[in-house]
Each structure stands twice: as structure tokens, then as C-alpha cells.
Amino acid sequence: MGYRGSKSATGLNKPTSQIKPGAVKEQRVDATASKRDIDLKIIPFFKQYPIIGIKSLDLSDFSEVVDIVRVKQHLTEEGLAKILYSQYSLVI
């Protein structure tokens, strides 16, 4: 992925060089998740601790897609159509 906030890190370091309270460190964020992790860890986590707001609809659509892939319906035209429909309905 890269460095989060790397554009603004330079601006954050300027005040610290003047007042010396500490250092601002850039964080590197790398994440991967297997289909199994998504199905067994990520989806259950967000069901236990629900997302509040409009993004909860995205999670619902994403959960449906994970279910479709789990039962291998994504290999059929109907399953693929459901996935594509879910993709277009995601809230951006």
C-alpha cells in the first residue's frame, strides 16, 4: 500500500523540529486477508461490532458477495450478475 499520509508528513515534521516535543513517524500499512480470514474473522467481527451509518449497507452487500463466493455461485452467470449488481450499489 505505501505510507499513510506521506504527503502531509513533511508538514507535520516542521513544528516538531521547532518545539522538539517528539518525532512524527510514518507508518507503513500492509494488509492482506485470505477468503477464509474474511469469512471467519472479518465479517463476524463487524457483525459483533456493527458499523453505524450508511457504510453498514456496504458491509451487508460485501457479506452477500462473500456468501456467493463461499458456495461457488460466482462461477455461474446468475451469481456473477449478483456480484456485479452489488458492486454497483456500493456507497462511495
PDB file of N, CA and C in Angstrom:
ATOM      1  N   MET A   1       0.809  -1.185   0.000  1.00  0.00           N
ATOM      2  CA  MET A   1       0.000   0.000   0.000  1.00  0.00           C
ATOM      3  C   MET A   1       0.854   1.251   0.000  1.00  0.00           C
ATOM      4  N   GLY A   2       1.777   1.368   0.887  1.00  0.00           N
ATOM      5  CA  GLY A   2       2.602   2.556   0.927  1.00  0.00           C
ATOM      6  C   GLY A   2       2.510   3.229   2.272  1.00  0.00           C
ATOM      7  N   TYR A   3       2.970   4.449   2.314  1.00  0.00           N
ATOM      8  CA  TYR A   3       2.971   5.192   3.564  1.00  0.00           C
ATOM      9  C   TYR A   3       1.712   6.020   3.687  1.00  0.00           C
ATOM     10  N   ARG A   4       1.047   5.858   4.783  1.00  0.00           N
ATOM     11  CA  ARG A   4      -0.179   6.603   5.036  1.00  0.00           C
ATOM     12  C   ARG A   4       0.190   8.043   5.373  1.00  0.00           C
ATOM     13  N   GLY A   5      -0.428   8.961   4.666  1.00  0.00           N
ATOM     14  CA  GLY A   5      -0.231  10.371   4.952  1.00  0.00           C
ATOM     15  C   GLY A   5       1.150  10.890   4.607  1.00  0.00           C
ATOM     16  N   SER A   6       1.808  10.277   3.645  1.00  0.00           N
ATOM     17  CA  SER A   6       3.177  10.690   3.347  1.00  0.00           C
ATOM     18  C   SER A   6       3.237  12.113   2.797  1.00  0.00           C
ATOM     19  N   LYS A   7       2.167  12.587   2.182  1.00  0.00           N
ATOM     20  CA  LYS A   7       2.156  13.954   1.659  1.00  0.00           C
ATOM     21  C   LYS A   7       2.182  14.972   2.790  1.00  0.00           C
ATOM     22  N   SER A   8       1.483  14.664   3.874  1.00  0.00           N
ATOM     23  CA  SER A   8       1.381  15.631   4.960  1.00  0.00           C
ATOM     24  C   SER A   8       2.451  15.439   6.028  1.00  0.00           C
ATOM     25  N   ALA A   9       3.218  14.373   5.951  1.00  0.00           N
ATOM     26  CA  ALA A   9       4.219  14.116   6.991  1.00  0.00           C
ATOM     27  C   ALA A   9       5.269  15.214   7.042  1.00  0.00           C
ATOM     28  N   THR A  10       5.649  15.756   5.902  1.00  0.00           N
ATOM     29  CA  THR A  10       6.644  16.824   5.877  1.00  0.00           C
ATOM     30  C   THR A  10       6.132  18.031   6.650  1.00  0.00           C
ATOM     31  N   GLY A  11       4.885  18.366   6.454  1.00  0.00           N
ATOM     32  CA  GLY A  11       4.293  19.491   7.169  1.00  0.00           C
ATOM     33  C   GLY A  11       4.207  19.237   8.666  1.00  0.00           C
ATOM     34  N   LEU A  12       4.027  17.985   9.063  1.00  0.00           N
ATOM     35  CA  LEU A  12       3.953  17.664  10.482  1.00  0.00           C
ATOM     36  C   LEU A  12       5.320  17.719  11.153  1.00  0.00           C
ATOM     37  N   ASN A  13       6.365  17.451  10.409  1.00  0.00           N
ATOM     38  CA  ASN A  13       7.705  17.463  10.989  1.00  0.00           C
ATOM     39  C   ASN A  13       8.229  18.870  11.244  1.00  0.00           C
ATOM     40  N   LYS A  14       7.741  19.856  10.514  1.00  0.00           N
ATOM     41  CA  LYS A  14       8.233  21.225  10.696  1.00  0.00           C
ATOM     42  C   LYS A  14       7.988  21.742  12.116  1.00  0.00           C
ATOM     43  N   PRO A  15       6.754  21.641  12.657  1.00  0.00           N
ATOM     44  CA  PRO A  15       6.559  22.128  14.029  1.00  0.00           C
ATOM     45  C   PRO A  15       7.390  21.356  15.049  1.00  0.00           C
ATOM     46  N   THR A  16       7.561  20.048  14.853  1.00  0.00           N
ATOM     47  CA  THR A  16       8.316  19.271  15.835  1.00  0.00           C
ATOM     48  C   THR A  16       9.778  19.649  15.838  1.00  0.00           C
ATOM     49  N   SER A  17      10.299  20.089  14.701  1.00  0.00           N
ATOM     50  CA  SER A  17      11.701  20.497  14.682  1.00  0.00           C
ATOM     51  C   SER A  17      11.895  21.820  15.421  1.00  0.00           C
ATOM     52  N   GLN A  18      10.837  22.597  15.542  1.00  0.00           N
ATOM     53  CA  GLN A  18      10.946  23.883  16.231  1.00  0.00           C
ATOM     54  C   GLN A  18      10.707  23.753  17.732  1.00  0.00           C
ATOM     55  N   ILE A  19       9.725  22.944  18.130  1.00  0.00           N
ATOM     56  CA  ILE A  19       9.399  22.852  19.553  1.00  0.00           C
ATOM     57  C   ILE A  19       9.911  21.564  20.201  1.00  0.00           C
ATOM     58  N   LYS A  20      10.406  20.632  19.435  1.00  0.00           N
ATOM     59  CA  LYS A  20      11.054  19.405  19.906  1.00  0.00           C
ATOM     60  C   LYS A  20      10.236  18.571  20.904  1.00  0.00           C
ATOM     61  N   PRO A  21       8.917  18.368  20.706  1.00  0.00           N
ATOM     62  CA  PRO A  21       8.187  17.529  21.648  1.00  0.00           C
ATOM     63  C   PRO A  21       8.392  16.040  21.383  1.00  0.00           C
ATOM     64  N   GLY A  22       8.813  15.695  20.206  1.00  0.00           N
ATOM     65  CA  GLY A  22       8.981  14.292  19.849  1.00  0.00           C
ATOM     66  C   GLY A  22       9.070  14.185  18.350  1.00  0.00           C
ATOM     67  N   ALA A  23       9.038  13.004  17.863  1.00  0.00           N
ATOM     68  CA  ALA A  23       9.166  12.794  16.423  1.00  0.00           C
ATOM     69  C   ALA A  23       7.857  12.279  15.857  1.00  0.00           C
ATOM     70  N   VAL A  24       7.579  12.666  14.646  1.00  0.00           N
ATOM     71  CA  VAL A  24       6.430  12.145  13.919  1.00  0.00           C
ATOM     72  C   VAL A  24       6.953  11.035  13.030  1.00  0.00           C
ATOM     73  N   LYS A  25       6.422   9.850  13.206  1.00  0.00           N
ATOM     74  CA  LYS A  25       6.890   8.709  12.427  1.00  0.00           C
ATOM     75  C   LYS A  25       5.852   8.342  11.383  1.00  0.00           C
ATOM     76  N   GLU A  26       6.328   7.971  10.211  1.00  0.00           N
ATOM     77  CA  GLU A  26       5.436   7.498   9.165  1.00  0.00           C
ATOM     78  C   GLU A  26       5.154   6.029   9.422  1.00  0.00           C
ATOM     79  N   GLN A  27       3.890   5.648   9.270  1.00  0.00           N
ATOM     80  CA  GLN A  27       3.515   4.256   9.459  1.00  0.00           C
ATOM     81  C   GLN A  27       3.361   3.589   8.115  1.00  0.00           C
ATOM     82  N   ARG A  28       3.845   2.404   8.013  1.00  0.00           N
ATOM     83  CA  ARG A  28       3.639   1.616   6.807  1.00  0.00           C
ATOM     84  C   ARG A  28       2.519   0.633   7.116  1.00  0.00           C
ATOM     85  N   VAL A  29       1.523   0.619   6.262  1.00  0.00           N
ATOM     86  CA  VAL A  29       0.373  -0.240   6.469  1.00  0.00           C
ATOM     87  C   VAL A  29       0.309  -1.241   5.326  1.00  0.00           C
ATOM     88  N   ASP A  30       0.511  -2.487   5.646  1.00  0.00           N
ATOM     89  CA  ASP A  30       0.370  -3.571   4.681  1.00  0.00           C
ATOM     90  C   ASP A  30      -0.636  -4.552   5.252  1.00  0.00           C
ATOM     91  N   ALA A  31      -1.609  -4.903   4.460  1.00  0.00           N
ATOM     92  CA  ALA A  31      -2.613  -5.833   4.948  1.00  0.00           C
ATOM     93  C   ALA A  31      -3.032  -6.777   3.838  1.00  0.00           C
ATOM     94  N   THR A  32      -3.172  -8.016   4.197  1.00  0.00           N
ATOM     95  CA  THR A  32      -3.714  -8.997   3.279  1.00  0.00           C
ATOM     96  C   THR A  32      -4.706  -9.836   4.059  1.00  0.00           C
ATOM     97  N   ALA A  33      -5.679 -10.321   3.374  1.00  0.00           N
ATOM     98  CA  ALA A  33      -6.666 -11.177   4.017  1.00  0.00           C
ATOM     99  C   ALA A  33      -7.069 -12.256   3.028  1.00  0.00           C
ATOM    100  N   SER A  34      -7.046 -13.465   3.488  1.00  0.00           N
ATOM    101  CA  SER A  34      -7.473 -14.565   2.635  1.00  0.00           C
ATOM    102  C   SER A  34      -8.997 -14.633   2.643  1.00  0.00           C
ATOM    103  N   LYS A  35      -9.546 -15.390   1.718  1.00  0.00           N
ATOM    104  CA  LYS A  35     -11.004 -15.566   1.697  1.00  0.00           C
ATOM    105  C   LYS A  35     -11.466 -16.165   3.020  1.00  0.00           C
ATOM    106  N   ARG A  36     -10.667 -17.071   3.545  1.00  0.00           N
ATOM    107  CA  ARG A  36     -11.012 -17.708   4.821  1.00  0.00           C
ATOM    108  C   ARG A  36     -11.029 -16.675   5.956  1.00  0.00           C
ATOM    109  N   ASP A  37     -10.014 -15.793   6.011  1.00  0.00           N
ATOM    110  CA  ASP A  37      -9.977 -14.756   7.049  1.00  0.00           C
ATOM    111  C   ASP A  37     -11.171 -13.815   6.943  1.00  0.00           C
ATOM    112  N   ILE A  38     -11.516 -13.460   5.725  1.00  0.00           N
ATOM    113  CA  ILE A  38     -12.668 -12.575   5.522  1.00  0.00           C
ATOM    114  C   ILE A  38     -13.927 -13.238   6.053  1.00  0.00           C
ATOM    115  N   ASP A  39     -14.104 -14.515   5.708  1.00  0.00           N
ATOM    116  CA  ASP A  39     -15.315 -15.242   6.078  1.00  0.00           C
ATOM    117  C   ASP A  39     -15.370 -15.574   7.570  1.00  0.00           C
ATOM    118  N   LEU A  40     -14.237 -15.944   8.159  1.00  0.00           N
ATOM    119  CA  LEU A  40     -14.250 -16.423   9.540  1.00  0.00           C
ATOM    120  C   LEU A  40     -13.862 -15.379  10.588  1.00  0.00           C
ATOM    121  N   LYS A  41     -13.208 -14.291  10.169  1.00  0.00           N
ATOM    122  CA  LYS A  41     -12.754 -13.299  11.151  1.00  0.00           C
ATOM    123  C   LYS A  41     -13.338 -11.909  10.923  1.00  0.00           C
ATOM    124  N   ILE A  42     -13.221 -11.409   9.703  1.00  0.00           N
ATOM    125  CA  ILE A  42     -13.590 -10.014   9.447  1.00  0.00           C
ATOM    126  C   ILE A  42     -15.099  -9.808   9.474  1.00  0.00           C
ATOM    127  N   ILE A  43     -15.837 -10.613   8.719  1.00  0.00           N
ATOM    128  CA  ILE A  43     -17.306 -10.473   8.697  1.00  0.00           C
ATOM    129  C   ILE A  43     -17.894 -10.695  10.095  1.00  0.00           C
ATOM    130  N   PRO A  44     -17.512 -11.765  10.820  1.00  0.00           N
ATOM    131  CA  PRO A  44     -18.056 -11.927  12.178  1.00  0.00           C
ATOM    132  C   PRO A  44     -17.709 -10.769  13.119  1.00  0.00           C
ATOM    133  N   PHE A  45     -16.514 -10.193  12.967  1.00  0.00           N
ATOM    134  CA  PHE A  45     -16.136  -9.051  13.804  1.00  0.00           C
ATOM    135  C   PHE A  45     -17.106  -7.895  13.595  1.00  0.00           C
ATOM    136  N   PHE A  46     -17.406  -7.584  12.336  1.00  0.00           N
ATOM    137  CA  PHE A  46     -18.291  -6.454  12.067  1.00  0.00           C
ATOM    138  C   PHE A  46     -19.752  -6.782  12.345  1.00  0.00           C
ATOM    139  N   LYS A  47     -20.098  -8.055  12.444  1.00  0.00           N
ATOM    140  CA  LYS A  47     -21.452  -8.405  12.887  1.00  0.00           C
ATOM    141  C   LYS A  47     -21.558  -8.242  14.402  1.00  0.00           C
ATOM    142  N   GLN A  48     -20.460  -8.549  15.104  1.00  0.00           N
ATOM    143  CA  GLN A  48     -20.455  -8.382  16.556  1.00  0.00           C
ATOM    144  C   GLN A  48     -20.374  -6.908  16.940  1.00  0.00           C
ATOM    145  N   TYR A  49     -19.581  -6.136  16.189  1.00  0.00           N
ATOM    146  CA  TYR A  49     -19.418  -4.700  16.432  1.00  0.00           C
ATOM    147  C   TYR A  49     -19.856  -3.955  15.170  1.00  0.00           C
ATOM    148  N   PRO A  50     -21.168  -3.748  15.014  1.00  0.00           N
ATOM    149  CA  PRO A  50     -21.706  -3.215  13.755  1.00  0.00           C
ATOM    150  C   PRO A  50     -21.200  -1.817  13.408  1.00  0.00           C
ATOM    151  N   ILE A  51     -21.065  -1.607  12.113  1.00  0.00           N
ATOM    152  CA  ILE A  51     -20.745  -0.288  11.586  1.00  0.00           C
ATOM    153  C   ILE A  51     -22.017   0.541  11.653  1.00  0.00           C
ATOM    154  N   ILE A  52     -21.895   1.754  12.146  1.00  0.00           N
ATOM    155  CA  ILE A  52     -23.057   2.633  12.255  1.00  0.00           C
ATOM    156  C   ILE A  52     -23.027   3.600  11.083  1.00  0.00           C
ATOM    157  N   GLY A  53     -24.157   3.755  10.448  1.00  0.00           N
ATOM    158  CA  GLY A  53     -24.249   4.702   9.342  1.00  0.00           C
ATOM    159  C   GLY A  53     -24.438   3.999   8.010  1.00  0.00           C
ATOM    160  N   ILE A  54     -24.266   4.774   6.962  1.00  0.00           N
ATOM    161  CA  ILE A  54     -24.560   4.291   5.620  1.00  0.00           C
ATOM    162  C   ILE A  54     -23.589   3.206   5.163  1.00  0.00           C
ATOM    163  N   LYS A  55     -22.385   3.191   5.713  1.00  0.00           N
ATOM    164  CA  LYS A  55     -21.404   2.173   5.332  1.00  0.00           C
ATOM    165  C   LYS A  55     -21.837   0.773   5.770  1.00  0.00           C
ATOM    166  N   SER A  56     -22.797   0.680   6.685  1.00  0.00           N
ATOM    167  CA  SER A  56     -23.302  -0.633   7.082  1.00  0.00           C
ATOM    168  C   SER A  56     -23.963  -1.341   5.903  1.00  0.00           C
ATOM    169  N   LEU A  57     -24.500  -0.565   4.959  1.00  0.00           N
ATOM    170  CA  LEU A  57     -25.085  -1.158   3.752  1.00  0.00           C
ATOM    171  C   LEU A  57     -24.001  -1.804   2.897  1.00  0.00           C
ATOM    172  N   ASP A  58     -22.823  -1.184   2.834  1.00  0.00           N
ATOM    173  CA  ASP A  58     -21.705  -1.770   2.100  1.00  0.00           C
ATOM    174  C   ASP A  58     -21.304  -3.104   2.711  1.00  0.00           C
ATOM    175  N   LEU A  59     -21.272  -3.165   4.037  1.00  0.00           N
ATOM    176  CA  LEU A  59     -20.910  -4.414   4.702  1.00  0.00           C
ATOM    177  C   LEU A  59     -21.930  -5.500   4.395  1.00  0.00           C
ATOM    178  N   SER A  60     -23.193  -5.125   4.363  1.00  0.00           N
ATOM    179  CA  SER A  60     -24.241  -6.088   4.035  1.00  0.00           C
ATOM    180  C   SER A  60     -24.048  -6.637   2.623  1.00  0.00           C
ATOM    181  N   ASP A  61     -23.797  -5.748   1.664  1.00  0.00           N
ATOM    182  CA  ASP A  61     -23.549  -6.185   0.282  1.00  0.00           C
ATOM    183  C   ASP A  61     -22.292  -7.046   0.199  1.00  0.00           C
ATOM    184  N   PHE A  62     -21.244  -6.644   0.904  1.00  0.00           N
ATOM    185  CA  PHE A  62     -19.991  -7.391   0.893  1.00  0.00           C
ATOM    186  C   PHE A  62     -20.195  -8.785   1.486  1.00  0.00           C
ATOM    187  N   SER A  63     -20.983  -8.878   2.558  1.00  0.00           N
ATOM    188  CA  SER A  63     -21.271 -10.175   3.173  1.00  0.00           C
ATOM    189  C   SER A  63     -22.000 -11.093   2.204  1.00  0.00           C
ATOM    190  N   GLU A  64     -22.918 -10.519   1.434  1.00  0.00           N
ATOM    191  CA  GLU A  64     -23.635 -11.317   0.433  1.00  0.00           C
ATOM    192  C   GLU A  64     -22.678 -11.845  -0.628  1.00  0.00           C
ATOM    193  N   VAL A  65     -21.740 -11.015  -1.062  1.00  0.00           N
ATOM    194  CA  VAL A  65     -20.756 -11.446  -2.059  1.00  0.00           C
ATOM    195  C   VAL A  65     -19.888 -12.566  -1.488  1.00  0.00           C
ATOM    196  N   VAL A  66     -19.481 -12.441  -0.240  1.00  0.00           N
ATOM    197  CA  VAL A  66     -18.678 -13.491   0.397  1.00  0.00           C
ATOM    198  C   VAL A  66     -19.469 -14.795   0.445  1.00  0.00           C
ATOM    199  N   ASP A  67     -20.762 -14.712   0.760  1.00  0.00           N
ATOM    200  CA  ASP A  67     -21.607 -15.910   0.770  1.00  0.00           C
ATOM    201  C   ASP A  67     -21.692 -16.537  -0.618  1.00  0.00           C
ATOM    202  N   ILE A  68     -21.830 -15.709  -1.643  1.00  0.00           N
ATOM    203  CA  ILE A  68     -21.906 -16.207  -3.021  1.00  0.00           C
ATOM    204  C   ILE A  68     -20.619 -16.937  -3.392  1.00  0.00           C
ATOM    205  N   VAL A  69     -19.484 -16.368  -3.031  1.00  0.00           N
ATOM    206  CA  VAL A  69     -18.195 -16.991  -3.355  1.00  0.00           C
ATOM    207  C   VAL A  69     -18.010 -18.278  -2.552  1.00  0.00           C
ATOM    208  N   ARG A  70     -18.435 -18.287  -1.292  1.00  0.00           N
ATOM    209  CA  ARG A  70     -18.268 -19.473  -0.447  1.00  0.00           C
ATOM    210  C   ARG A  70     -18.970 -20.693  -1.036  1.00  0.00           C
ATOM    211  N   VAL A  71     -20.163 -20.497  -1.588  1.00  0.00           N
ATOM    212  CA  VAL A  71     -20.914 -21.630  -2.145  1.00  0.00           C
ATOM    213  C   VAL A  71     -20.684 -21.793  -3.646  1.00  0.00           C
ATOM    214  N   LYS A  72     -19.671 -21.066  -4.157  1.00  0.00           N
ATOM    215  CA  LYS A  72     -19.218 -21.160  -5.548  1.00  0.00           C
ATOM    216  C   LYS A  72     -20.275 -20.756  -6.577  1.00  0.00           C
ATOM    217  N   GLN A  73     -21.219 -19.911  -6.163  1.00  0.00           N
ATOM    218  CA  GLN A  73     -22.204 -19.392  -7.110  1.00  0.00           C
ATOM    219  C   GLN A  73     -21.591 -18.354  -8.034  1.00  0.00           C
ATOM    220  N   HIS A  74     -20.430 -17.826  -7.671  1.00  0.00           N
ATOM    221  CA  HIS A  74     -19.780 -16.824  -8.515  1.00  0.00           C
ATOM    222  C   HIS A  74     -19.332 -17.428  -9.842  1.00  0.00           C
ATOM    223  N   LEU A  75     -19.347 -18.743  -9.940  1.00  0.00           N
ATOM    224  CA  LEU A  75     -18.959 -19.420 -11.172  1.00  0.00           C
ATOM    225  C   LEU A  75     -20.114 -19.512 -12.166  1.00  0.00           C
ATOM    226  N   THR A  76     -21.321 -19.152 -11.725  1.00  0.00           N
ATOM    227  CA  THR A  76     -22.482 -19.165 -12.612  1.00  0.00           C
ATOM    228  C   THR A  76     -22.774 -17.745 -13.091  1.00  0.00           C
ATOM    229  N   GLU A  77     -23.513 -17.644 -14.184  1.00  0.00           N
ATOM    230  CA  GLU A  77     -23.876 -16.317 -14.700  1.00  0.00           C
ATOM    231  C   GLU A  77     -24.743 -15.559 -13.699  1.00  0.00           C
ATOM    232  N   GLU A  78     -25.658 -16.267 -13.062  1.00  0.00           N
ATOM    233  CA  GLU A  78     -26.551 -15.621 -12.093  1.00  0.00           C
ATOM    234  C   GLU A  78     -25.762 -15.096 -10.885  1.00  0.00           C
ATOM    235  N   GLY A  79     -24.842 -15.896 -10.385  1.00  0.00           N
ATOM    236  CA  GLY A  79     -24.026 -15.469  -9.246  1.00  0.00           C
ATOM    237  C   GLY A  79     -23.141 -14.288  -9.592  1.00  0.00           C
ATOM    238  N   LEU A  80     -22.544 -14.334 -10.773  1.00  0.00           N
ATOM    239  CA  LEU A  80     -21.700 -13.227 -11.213  1.00  0.00           C
ATOM    240  C   LEU A  80     -22.521 -11.948 -11.370  1.00  0.00           C
ATOM    241  N   ALA A  81     -23.738 -12.085 -11.882  1.00  0.00           N
ATOM    242  CA  ALA A  81     -24.618 -10.920 -12.030  1.00  0.00           C
ATOM    243  C   ALA A  81     -24.946 -10.312 -10.662  1.00  0.00           C
ATOM    244  N   LYS A  82     -25.165 -11.166  -9.653  1.00  0.00           N
ATOM    245  CA  LYS A  82     -25.436 -10.663  -8.301  1.00  0.00           C
ATOM    246  C   LYS A  82     -24.242  -9.885  -7.758  1.00  0.00           C
ATOM    247  N   ILE A  83     -23.040 -10.407  -8.010  1.00  0.00           N
ATOM    248  CA  ILE A  83     -21.826  -9.730  -7.540  1.00  0.00           C
ATOM    249  C   ILE A  83     -21.672  -8.378  -8.227  1.00  0.00           C
ATOM    250  N   LEU A  84     -21.869  -8.352  -9.533  1.00  0.00           N
ATOM    251  CA  LEU A  84     -21.737  -7.090 -10.267  1.00  0.00           C
ATOM    252  C   LEU A  84     -22.771  -6.075  -9.809  1.00  0.00           C
ATOM    253  N   TYR A  85     -23.991  -6.534  -9.549  1.00  0.00           N
ATOM    254  CA  TYR A  85     -25.029  -5.633  -9.052  1.00  0.00           C
ATOM    255  C   TYR A  85     -24.628  -5.061  -7.687  1.00  0.00           C
ATOM    256  N   SER A  86     -24.093  -5.913  -6.824  1.00  0.00           N
ATOM    257  CA  SER A  86     -23.647  -5.453  -5.503  1.00  0.00           C
ATOM    258  C   SER A  86     -22.526  -4.436  -5.632  1.00  0.00           C
ATOM    259  N   GLN A  87     -21.627  -4.666  -6.583  1.00  0.00           N
ATOM    260  CA  GLN A  87     -20.508  -3.753  -6.789  1.00  0.00           C
ATOM    261  C   GLN A  87     -21.014  -2.365  -7.170  1.00  0.00           C
ATOM    262  N   TYR A  88     -22.006  -2.301  -8.028  1.00  0.00           N
ATOM    263  CA  TYR A  88     -22.519  -1.002  -8.470  1.00  0.00           C
ATOM    264  C   TYR A  88     -23.369  -0.316  -7.413  1.00  0.00           C
ATOM    265  N   SER A  89     -23.864  -1.078  -6.449  1.00  0.00           N
ATOM    266  CA  SER A  89     -24.703  -0.460  -5.425  1.00  0.00           C
ATOM    267  C   SER A  89     -23.905  -0.010  -4.203  1.00  0.00           C
ATOM    268  N   LEU A  90     -22.592  -0.277  -4.177  1.00  0.00           N
ATOM    269  CA  LEU A  90     -21.778   0.138  -3.037  1.00  0.00           C
ATOM    270  C   LEU A  90     -21.789   1.654  -2.898  1.00  0.00           C
ATOM    271  N   VAL A  91     -21.886   2.117  -1.672  1.00  0.00           N
ATOM    272  CA  VAL A  91     -21.894   3.544  -1.375  1.00  0.00           C
ATOM    273  C   VAL A  91     -20.451   4.028  -1.361  1.00  0.00           C
ATOM    274  N   ILE A  92     -20.190   5.068  -2.132  1.00  0.00           N
ATOM    275  CA  ILE A  92     -18.816   5.596  -2.207  1.00  0.00           C
ATOM    276  C   ILE A  92     -18.724   6.873  -1.413  1.00  0.00           C
TER     277      ILE A  92
END
